[in-house]
Amino acid sequence: MLGMKLRALEDVWDRLGRADPYWAAVTWEGKDEGRWSVEDFFANGVEEIAVVFRAIEQHGWTVARRRALDFGCGPGRLTQALAERFESVDGIDIAASMIELARGHNRHGERCRYHHNTVSDLRCFPDDTFDFVYSTLVLQHMLPRDAIAYVREMLRVAAPGGLVVFQLPTHRGEAELPPGATQTLVREPLPRGGFEAEIVPSQTAIEARAGSALTLEVVVRNRSPHAWPSLSGPDHRFAIQIGNRWRSATGALRKADDARMGLPYDLAPGQEARIVLQPRAPEIDGDHDIEIDAVQEGVAWFHERGRPAARVRCRVHGGRPAPEEGAPRLGARYPRLRGALVALGLDRARGAYRRLLKWREARRRPRMAMYCVPRAEMIAVVESCGGQILAVDRRPLPDGFQNGLYWVRVP
């Protein structure tokens, strides 16, 4: 049966499949809250598979057209497109709600079969079954160890001479992981002394158009005596991330939660990492402060434990005039008093209650975690299974992820 973390992943995707399945499968901006039409959703799958097979033809690779596997099929967007090119096709997914929806959309009868996978492998298929195995936007939502295990299974079920194509982010940020970097699963809140971060933005003042997406590069350094793990489970519980809020020049809160970026690798005491944060400017003109801080999800922002957040001044133009503001909040007017309350721990009762409410709300809204496996590590996995790397296409993804699309021939 599924392990604890895969069971949590199953729960997240089953809830997504019931809430907004088409957007969960293809998270295009403006397509959430049911705004994917069924026709456009499946047409998108036909287009994607057409691009894949044009690339295969351009490279001169061959693929037998007997049987194909769509791993992580969701509502069947790609399974239906593959069924137009193969004698038979199988779709497999972790979420029962997705499989139920996919079966309802099946236009190819017995030539297209859907499977709800309740185990941590592909044991429902024997060795050497498929001429073509395809998976995109799926492995990135699994813990790296689970993604690697499933890649091994894809290679096992691929027939000799078959082609396996899968997508998986390689790293987050501009550079790949440094030698010796580790990625450890976070399991509990940091000790109170662990909330010591130094955040240094590459710029201290910028300009932006109202509503536009920005790119901010920051260096985050672990100034605490405790290591910061970089991985979290599918529910993001205890994840350590860098985030930002927007304040007016007088300290009034403009936007409470904006961008989030996880650690690219574990940070031991004294270690640092370069992170690219992508906030979005408010719709209000004037001078604003981008308040940048570390946060452990469901526990605390680091500034709530006494460490001040970093700030970048941003002049916004092209939006609406700023409203008149009332008096600044107590903490902004009397920072020393706030610091004394924090030192005495008197800020925690109110903060703990607010965090509990936010945590309950986050639990009601399923979120899609994103993970990476370094390119060199994934190539080593493929080669250890006897696979031949034909190509690895690299391209950027949203939120600073660098993508890898692997083309593998099975001898």
Protein backbone atom coordinates (compact mmCIF):
# COMPACT_ATOMS: atom_id res chain seq x y z
CA MET A 1 0.00 0.00 0.00
CA LEU A 2 1.04 3.63 -0.26
CA GLY A 3 3.48 5.01 2.30
CA MET A 4 2.48 7.88 4.55
CA LYS A 5 3.75 10.64 2.25
CA LEU A 6 2.24 9.07 -0.87
CA ARG A 7 -1.02 8.65 1.02
CA ALA A 8 -0.95 12.40 1.71
CA LEU A 9 -0.25 12.99 -1.99
CA GLU A 10 -3.22 10.81 -2.90
CA ASP A 11 -5.46 12.87 -0.59
CA VAL A 12 -4.25 16.19 -2.06
CA TRP A 13 -4.82 15.11 -5.66
CA ASP A 14 -8.13 13.45 -4.95
CA ARG A 15 -9.39 16.72 -3.44
CA LEU A 16 -7.99 18.68 -6.39
CA GLY A 17 -9.75 16.26 -8.71
CA ARG A 18 -13.06 17.06 -7.04
CA ALA A 19 -12.48 20.81 -6.70
CA ASP A 20 -10.90 21.97 -10.00
CA PRO A 21 -9.54 18.97 -11.94
CA TYR A 22 -8.68 20.56 -15.29
CA TRP A 23 -6.76 23.45 -13.75
CA ALA A 24 -5.00 21.03 -11.36
CA ALA A 25 -3.78 19.10 -14.41
CA VAL A 26 -2.71 22.18 -16.41
CA THR A 27 -2.29 25.23 -14.16
CA TRP A 28 -2.46 27.99 -16.73
CA GLU A 29 -3.06 31.48 -15.41
CA GLY A 30 -6.70 32.45 -15.71
CA LYS A 31 -7.91 28.85 -16.06
CA ASP A 32 -8.63 28.18 -12.39
CA GLU A 33 -12.10 28.04 -10.81
CA GLY A 34 -13.55 25.97 -13.63
CA ARG A 35 -12.46 28.24 -16.49
CA TRP A 36 -10.95 25.43 -18.58
CA SER A 37 -13.54 24.34 -21.13
CA VAL A 38 -13.52 20.58 -21.72
CA GLU A 39 -12.96 21.12 -25.45
CA ASP A 40 -9.93 23.39 -24.94
CA PHE A 41 -8.51 21.11 -22.25
CA PHE A 42 -8.44 18.04 -24.47
CA ALA A 43 -7.35 20.06 -27.52
CA ASN A 44 -4.36 21.14 -25.43
CA GLY A 45 -3.48 17.46 -24.94
CA VAL A 46 -3.67 16.79 -28.69
CA GLU A 47 -1.36 19.74 -29.31
CA GLU A 48 1.17 18.61 -26.70
CA ILE A 49 1.40 15.08 -28.06
CA ALA A 50 1.71 16.46 -31.61
CA VAL A 51 4.72 18.53 -30.49
CA VAL A 52 6.28 15.44 -28.90
CA PHE A 53 5.94 13.35 -32.04
CA ARG A 54 7.24 16.13 -34.27
CA ALA A 55 10.37 16.16 -32.08
CA ILE A 56 10.64 12.38 -32.38
CA GLU A 57 10.46 12.62 -36.18
CA GLN A 58 12.96 15.50 -36.35
CA HIS A 59 15.49 13.47 -34.33
CA GLY A 60 14.93 10.39 -36.49
CA TRP A 61 13.87 8.24 -33.54
CA THR A 62 11.40 5.40 -34.02
CA VAL A 63 8.51 4.31 -31.82
CA ALA A 64 6.37 1.19 -32.29
CA ARG A 65 2.68 2.06 -32.17
CA ARG A 66 1.27 -0.91 -30.26
CA ARG A 67 0.78 0.18 -26.63
CA ALA A 68 1.43 3.40 -24.66
CA LEU A 69 1.29 4.43 -20.99
CA ASP A 70 0.25 7.85 -19.68
CA PHE A 71 1.69 8.01 -16.15
CA GLY A 72 -0.25 10.46 -13.97
CA CYS A 73 -3.08 10.74 -16.45
CA GLY A 74 -5.40 13.03 -14.46
CA PRO A 75 -8.69 13.53 -16.36
CA GLY A 76 -7.19 11.86 -19.46
CA ARG A 77 -5.97 14.91 -21.39
CA LEU A 78 -2.95 13.11 -22.86
CA THR A 79 -4.34 9.58 -22.71
CA GLN A 80 -7.04 10.47 -25.21
CA ALA A 81 -4.49 12.12 -27.50
CA LEU A 82 -2.20 9.07 -27.33
CA ALA A 83 -5.13 6.77 -28.16
CA GLU A 84 -5.27 8.44 -31.59
CA ARG A 85 -1.70 7.26 -32.30
CA PHE A 86 -1.47 3.82 -30.64
CA GLU A 87 -3.41 0.57 -30.87
CA SER A 88 -4.08 0.76 -27.13
CA VAL A 89 -3.21 3.09 -24.28
CA ASP A 90 -3.34 2.91 -20.49
CA GLY A 91 -3.68 5.85 -18.11
CA ILE A 92 -2.76 5.52 -14.46
CA ASP A 93 -3.27 8.02 -11.62
CA ILE A 94 -3.10 8.23 -7.83
CA ALA A 95 -6.43 10.07 -7.46
CA ALA A 96 -9.71 8.15 -7.68
CA SER A 97 -11.58 11.34 -8.58
CA MET A 98 -9.32 11.90 -11.58
CA ILE A 99 -9.75 8.34 -12.81
CA GLU A 100 -13.52 8.60 -12.47
CA LEU A 101 -13.52 11.77 -14.57
CA ALA A 102 -11.13 10.31 -17.16
CA ARG A 103 -13.35 7.27 -17.68
CA GLY A 104 -16.30 9.57 -18.28
CA HIS A 105 -14.34 11.38 -21.02
CA ASN A 106 -13.08 8.23 -22.77
CA ARG A 107 -13.89 8.31 -26.51
CA HIS A 108 -11.95 5.17 -27.48
CA GLY A 109 -13.74 2.32 -25.72
CA GLU A 110 -11.68 -0.71 -24.73
CA ARG A 111 -8.63 0.63 -26.55
CA CYS A 112 -8.19 3.09 -23.68
CA ARG A 113 -8.07 1.80 -20.09
CA TYR A 114 -7.70 3.76 -16.86
CA HIS A 115 -6.19 2.42 -13.62
CA HIS A 116 -6.37 3.82 -10.09
CA ASN A 117 -2.94 3.07 -8.62
CA THR A 118 -2.99 2.29 -4.89
CA VAL A 119 0.59 1.04 -4.55
CA SER A 120 3.96 2.75 -4.70
CA ASP A 121 5.02 1.03 -7.94
CA LEU A 122 3.58 -0.17 -11.27
CA ARG A 123 3.17 -3.83 -10.36
CA CYS A 124 -0.16 -3.94 -12.21
CA PHE A 125 1.93 -4.03 -15.42
CA PRO A 126 4.45 -6.78 -16.25
CA ASP A 127 7.93 -6.12 -17.60
CA ASP A 128 8.36 -5.04 -21.25
CA THR A 129 4.72 -3.97 -21.74
CA PHE A 130 4.78 -0.53 -23.40
CA ASP A 131 6.38 0.84 -26.56
CA PHE A 132 5.94 4.40 -25.33
CA VAL A 133 5.77 5.78 -21.76
CA TYR A 134 4.98 9.45 -21.22
CA SER A 135 4.70 11.61 -18.11
CA THR A 136 4.66 15.40 -17.69
CA LEU A 137 3.62 17.68 -14.81
CA VAL A 138 3.41 14.66 -12.50
CA LEU A 139 6.74 13.56 -11.01
CA GLN A 140 7.44 17.15 -9.92
CA HIS A 141 4.75 16.85 -7.24
CA MET A 142 6.33 13.81 -5.55
CA LEU A 143 9.13 13.60 -3.03
CA PRO A 144 12.36 12.93 -4.98
CA ARG A 145 12.73 9.38 -3.66
CA ASP A 146 9.22 8.52 -4.90
CA ALA A 147 9.80 10.18 -8.28
CA ILE A 148 13.02 8.20 -8.73
CA ALA A 149 11.27 4.96 -7.79
CA TYR A 150 8.55 5.58 -10.39
CA VAL A 151 11.11 6.39 -13.10
CA ARG A 152 12.71 3.01 -12.42
CA GLU A 153 9.28 1.43 -12.81
CA MET A 154 8.63 3.25 -16.10
CA LEU A 155 11.86 1.82 -17.47
CA ARG A 156 10.92 -1.64 -16.23
CA VAL A 157 7.55 -1.70 -17.97
CA ALA A 158 8.94 -0.27 -21.22
CA ALA A 159 9.50 -2.85 -23.97
CA PRO A 160 12.94 -3.33 -25.57
CA GLY A 161 13.39 -0.54 -28.10
CA GLY A 162 10.69 1.50 -26.36
CA LEU A 163 10.85 5.23 -25.69
CA VAL A 164 10.31 6.73 -22.22
CA VAL A 165 9.72 10.49 -22.02
CA PHE A 166 9.30 12.19 -18.65
CA GLN A 167 9.55 15.68 -17.21
CA LEU A 168 11.03 16.63 -13.84
CA PRO A 169 12.54 19.89 -12.54
CA THR A 170 16.29 19.69 -12.04
CA HIS A 171 16.79 22.58 -9.62
CA ARG A 172 15.36 25.83 -8.35
CA GLY A 173 17.19 29.07 -9.02
CA GLU A 174 19.77 30.01 -11.62
CA ALA A 175 22.45 27.47 -10.74
CA GLU A 176 22.29 23.72 -10.23
CA LEU A 177 22.87 22.28 -6.76
CA PRO A 178 26.46 22.70 -5.54
CA PRO A 179 28.56 19.57 -4.90
CA GLY A 180 27.65 17.88 -1.63
CA ALA A 181 24.29 19.64 -1.28
CA THR A 182 21.58 17.56 0.42
CA GLN A 183 17.78 17.68 0.47
CA THR A 184 16.21 16.46 3.72
CA LEU A 185 12.55 16.14 4.65
CA VAL A 186 11.41 18.54 7.38
CA ARG A 187 9.39 16.70 10.04
CA GLU A 188 8.83 19.17 12.88
CA PRO A 189 8.96 22.84 13.87
CA LEU A 190 12.38 24.42 14.20
CA PRO A 191 13.65 24.94 17.75
CA ARG A 192 13.08 28.50 18.94
CA GLY A 193 16.75 29.28 18.31
CA GLY A 194 16.42 28.13 14.71
CA PHE A 195 14.61 31.26 13.48
CA GLU A 196 17.72 33.31 12.77
CA ALA A 197 18.02 34.28 9.11
CA GLU A 198 19.99 36.94 7.28
CA ILE A 199 18.38 37.96 3.99
CA VAL A 200 20.28 40.25 1.63
CA PRO A 201 18.47 41.49 -1.51
CA SER A 202 20.55 42.23 -4.60
CA GLN A 203 18.74 45.60 -4.90
CA THR A 204 17.47 48.05 -2.32
CA ALA A 205 15.25 50.19 -4.57
CA ILE A 206 13.33 49.36 -7.77
CA GLU A 207 10.44 50.61 -9.90
CA ALA A 208 7.52 48.58 -11.22
CA ARG A 209 4.28 48.94 -13.09
CA ALA A 210 1.15 48.22 -11.05
CA GLY A 211 0.21 44.53 -11.16
CA SER A 212 3.42 43.49 -12.93
CA ALA A 213 5.52 40.46 -11.98
CA LEU A 214 8.95 41.27 -10.56
CA THR A 215 12.14 39.27 -10.16
CA LEU A 216 14.12 39.75 -6.96
CA GLU A 217 17.32 37.91 -6.22
CA VAL A 218 18.19 37.46 -2.54
CA VAL A 219 20.84 35.64 -0.58
CA VAL A 220 19.49 33.86 2.49
CA ARG A 221 21.95 32.78 5.17
CA ASN A 222 21.27 30.47 8.13
CA ARG A 223 22.46 32.41 11.17
CA SER A 224 21.06 29.90 13.65
CA PRO A 225 22.79 26.92 15.29
CA HIS A 226 20.25 24.53 13.71
CA ALA A 227 20.11 23.05 10.20
CA TRP A 228 17.20 23.98 7.91
CA PRO A 229 15.79 21.03 5.91
CA SER A 230 14.72 21.93 2.37
CA LEU A 231 11.96 19.40 1.60
CA SER A 232 8.39 19.24 2.87
CA GLY A 233 5.51 16.84 2.34
CA PRO A 234 2.63 17.38 -0.11
CA ASP A 235 0.70 19.40 2.47
CA HIS A 236 3.63 21.87 2.91
CA ARG A 237 3.55 21.38 6.67
CA PHE A 238 6.65 22.87 8.32
CA ALA A 239 8.12 23.91 4.94
CA ILE A 240 10.82 26.57 5.27
CA GLN A 241 10.38 29.17 2.56
CA ILE A 242 11.26 32.73 1.63
CA GLY A 243 8.24 34.96 1.13
CA ASN A 244 7.25 38.57 0.90
CA ARG A 245 4.56 41.01 1.91
CA TRP A 246 3.89 44.55 0.69
CA ARG A 247 3.63 47.58 2.95
CA SER A 248 3.04 51.24 2.25
CA ALA A 249 5.83 53.68 2.99
CA THR A 250 4.18 54.36 6.39
CA GLY A 251 4.06 50.66 7.31
CA ALA A 252 0.41 49.86 6.48
CA LEU A 253 -0.04 46.33 5.15
CA ARG A 254 -0.94 46.32 1.43
CA LYS A 255 -0.69 42.62 0.60
CA ALA A 256 -0.28 39.99 3.31
CA ASP A 257 0.96 37.00 1.29
CA ASP A 258 2.57 37.23 -2.12
CA ALA A 259 5.40 35.12 -3.52
CA ARG A 260 6.89 32.02 -1.89
CA MET A 261 10.13 30.21 -2.72
CA GLY A 262 11.44 27.12 -0.97
CA LEU A 263 15.06 26.41 -0.10
CA PRO A 264 16.91 24.78 -3.02
CA TYR A 265 18.85 22.53 -0.63
CA ASP A 266 19.46 22.05 3.10
CA LEU A 267 21.20 24.94 4.83
CA ALA A 268 23.52 24.02 7.69
CA PRO A 269 24.42 26.73 10.24
CA GLY A 270 26.35 29.45 8.43
CA GLN A 271 25.46 28.25 4.94
CA GLU A 272 23.71 30.41 2.37
CA ALA A 273 21.72 30.01 -0.85
CA ARG A 274 20.81 32.35 -3.68
CA ILE A 275 17.06 32.47 -4.28
CA VAL A 276 14.97 34.17 -6.95
CA LEU A 277 11.68 35.53 -5.62
CA GLN A 278 8.91 36.55 -8.02
CA PRO A 279 6.47 38.94 -6.29
CA ARG A 280 3.69 40.85 -8.04
CA ALA A 281 3.38 44.61 -7.57
CA PRO A 282 0.17 45.96 -5.98
CA GLU A 283 -2.34 47.95 -8.03
CA ILE A 284 -1.75 51.09 -5.95
CA ASP A 285 0.62 53.86 -7.01
CA GLY A 286 3.33 55.28 -4.82
CA ASP A 287 6.22 54.08 -2.69
CA HIS A 288 5.96 50.64 -1.13
CA ASP A 289 8.22 48.38 0.88
CA ILE A 290 8.66 44.77 -0.18
CA GLU A 291 9.12 43.03 3.15
CA ILE A 292 11.13 39.83 2.58
CA ASP A 293 11.34 37.21 5.30
CA ALA A 294 11.74 33.50 5.94
CA VAL A 295 8.74 31.50 7.16
CA GLN A 296 8.17 28.02 8.48
CA GLU A 297 4.69 27.16 7.25
CA GLY A 298 2.20 26.59 10.04
CA VAL A 299 4.71 27.77 12.67
CA ALA A 300 5.94 31.37 12.32
CA TRP A 301 7.49 34.05 10.19
CA PHE A 302 11.06 34.55 11.33
CA HIS A 303 10.45 38.23 12.16
CA GLU A 304 7.81 37.08 14.67
CA ARG A 305 10.67 35.50 16.61
CA GLY A 306 12.59 38.77 16.80
CA ARG A 307 14.68 38.86 13.60
CA PRO A 308 13.82 41.87 11.38
CA ALA A 309 12.77 41.23 7.80
CA ALA A 310 14.68 42.63 4.81
CA ARG A 311 13.10 45.48 2.83
CA VAL A 312 13.26 46.69 -0.75
CA ARG A 313 11.70 50.06 -1.62
CA CYS A 314 9.54 49.86 -4.74
CA ARG A 315 7.94 52.83 -6.54
CA VAL A 316 4.78 51.64 -8.29
CA HIS A 317 3.20 53.55 -11.19
CA GLY A 318 0.34 53.02 -13.63
CA GLY A 319 -2.18 51.93 -10.99
CA ARG A 320 -4.84 53.65 -8.93
CA PRO A 321 -4.17 56.40 -6.38
CA ALA A 322 -3.27 55.35 -2.88
CA PRO A 323 -6.13 55.60 -0.32
CA GLU A 324 -5.78 57.72 2.77
CA GLU A 325 -4.28 55.73 5.62
CA GLY A 326 -5.13 55.73 9.25
CA ALA A 327 -2.56 55.66 12.00
CA PRO A 328 0.18 53.03 11.65
CA ARG A 329 -0.20 49.84 13.67
CA LEU A 330 1.23 49.72 17.17
CA GLY A 331 4.21 47.59 16.12
CA ALA A 332 5.17 50.03 13.36
CA ARG A 333 4.85 53.08 15.65
CA TYR A 334 6.69 51.52 18.60
CA PRO A 335 9.22 48.99 17.23
CA ARG A 336 11.16 48.85 20.51
CA LEU A 337 8.02 48.01 22.44
CA ARG A 338 7.21 45.28 19.94
CA GLY A 339 10.76 43.95 20.28
CA ALA A 340 10.39 43.82 24.08
CA LEU A 341 7.06 41.94 23.79
CA VAL A 342 8.68 39.49 21.39
CA ALA A 343 11.62 38.96 23.75
CA LEU A 344 9.21 38.19 26.59
CA GLY A 345 7.17 35.84 24.41
CA LEU A 346 3.99 37.89 24.93
CA ASP A 347 3.37 38.14 21.20
CA ARG A 348 2.95 34.41 20.80
CA ALA A 349 -0.57 33.81 22.09
CA ARG A 350 -2.23 36.07 19.54
CA GLY A 351 0.16 34.96 16.81
CA ALA A 352 -0.43 31.28 17.55
CA TYR A 353 -4.20 31.76 17.23
CA ARG A 354 -3.82 33.56 13.87
CA ARG A 355 -1.52 30.83 12.60
CA LEU A 356 -3.97 28.14 13.69
CA LEU A 357 -6.73 29.82 11.68
CA LYS A 358 -4.46 30.15 8.64
CA TRP A 359 -3.35 26.53 8.96
CA ARG A 360 -6.95 25.31 9.06
CA GLU A 361 -7.77 27.39 5.98
CA ALA A 362 -4.70 26.04 4.16
CA ARG A 363 -5.75 22.49 4.97
CA ARG A 364 -9.12 23.13 3.33
CA ARG A 365 -7.39 24.35 0.14
CA PRO A 366 -5.20 21.58 -1.31
CA ARG A 367 -1.84 22.79 -2.61
CA MET A 368 0.52 21.30 -5.14
CA ALA A 369 4.06 20.88 -3.81
CA MET A 370 6.99 21.07 -6.26
CA TYR A 371 10.23 19.09 -6.00
CA CYS A 372 13.45 18.71 -7.97
CA VAL A 373 15.90 15.92 -8.73
CA PRO A 374 19.34 17.09 -9.94
CA ARG A 375 19.97 16.29 -13.60
CA ALA A 376 23.18 14.36 -12.91
CA GLU A 377 21.41 12.22 -10.31
CA MET A 378 18.51 11.41 -12.64
CA ILE A 379 20.85 10.52 -15.51
CA ALA A 380 22.70 8.14 -13.17
CA VAL A 381 19.37 6.52 -12.19
CA VAL A 382 18.36 6.01 -15.83
CA GLU A 383 21.72 4.54 -16.77
CA SER A 384 21.72 2.22 -13.74
CA CYS A 385 18.46 0.76 -15.11
CA GLY A 386 20.00 0.20 -18.52
CA GLY A 387 18.32 3.18 -20.17
CA GLN A 388 20.06 5.27 -22.81
CA ILE A 389 19.69 9.04 -22.51
CA LEU A 390 18.90 10.40 -25.97
CA ALA A 391 18.44 14.02 -24.88
CA VAL A 392 17.55 16.24 -21.93
CA ASP A 393 15.68 19.40 -22.90
CA ARG A 394 16.04 22.22 -20.41
CA ARG A 395 13.75 25.22 -20.01
CA PRO A 396 12.56 27.50 -17.17
CA LEU A 397 9.31 26.95 -15.28
CA PRO A 398 7.37 29.44 -13.13
CA ASP A 399 8.60 30.23 -9.61
CA GLY A 400 12.26 29.82 -10.51
CA PHE A 401 12.21 26.09 -11.29
CA GLN A 402 14.48 24.80 -14.07
CA ASN A 403 12.84 22.01 -16.02
CA GLY A 404 14.23 18.83 -17.52
CA LEU A 405 12.47 16.78 -20.22
CA TYR A 406 14.19 13.41 -20.50
CA TRP A 407 14.11 11.27 -23.67
CA VAL A 408 15.22 7.71 -22.87
CA ARG A 409 15.62 4.68 -25.13
CA VAL A 410 15.23 1.24 -23.55
CA PRO A 411 17.69 -1.23 -25.18
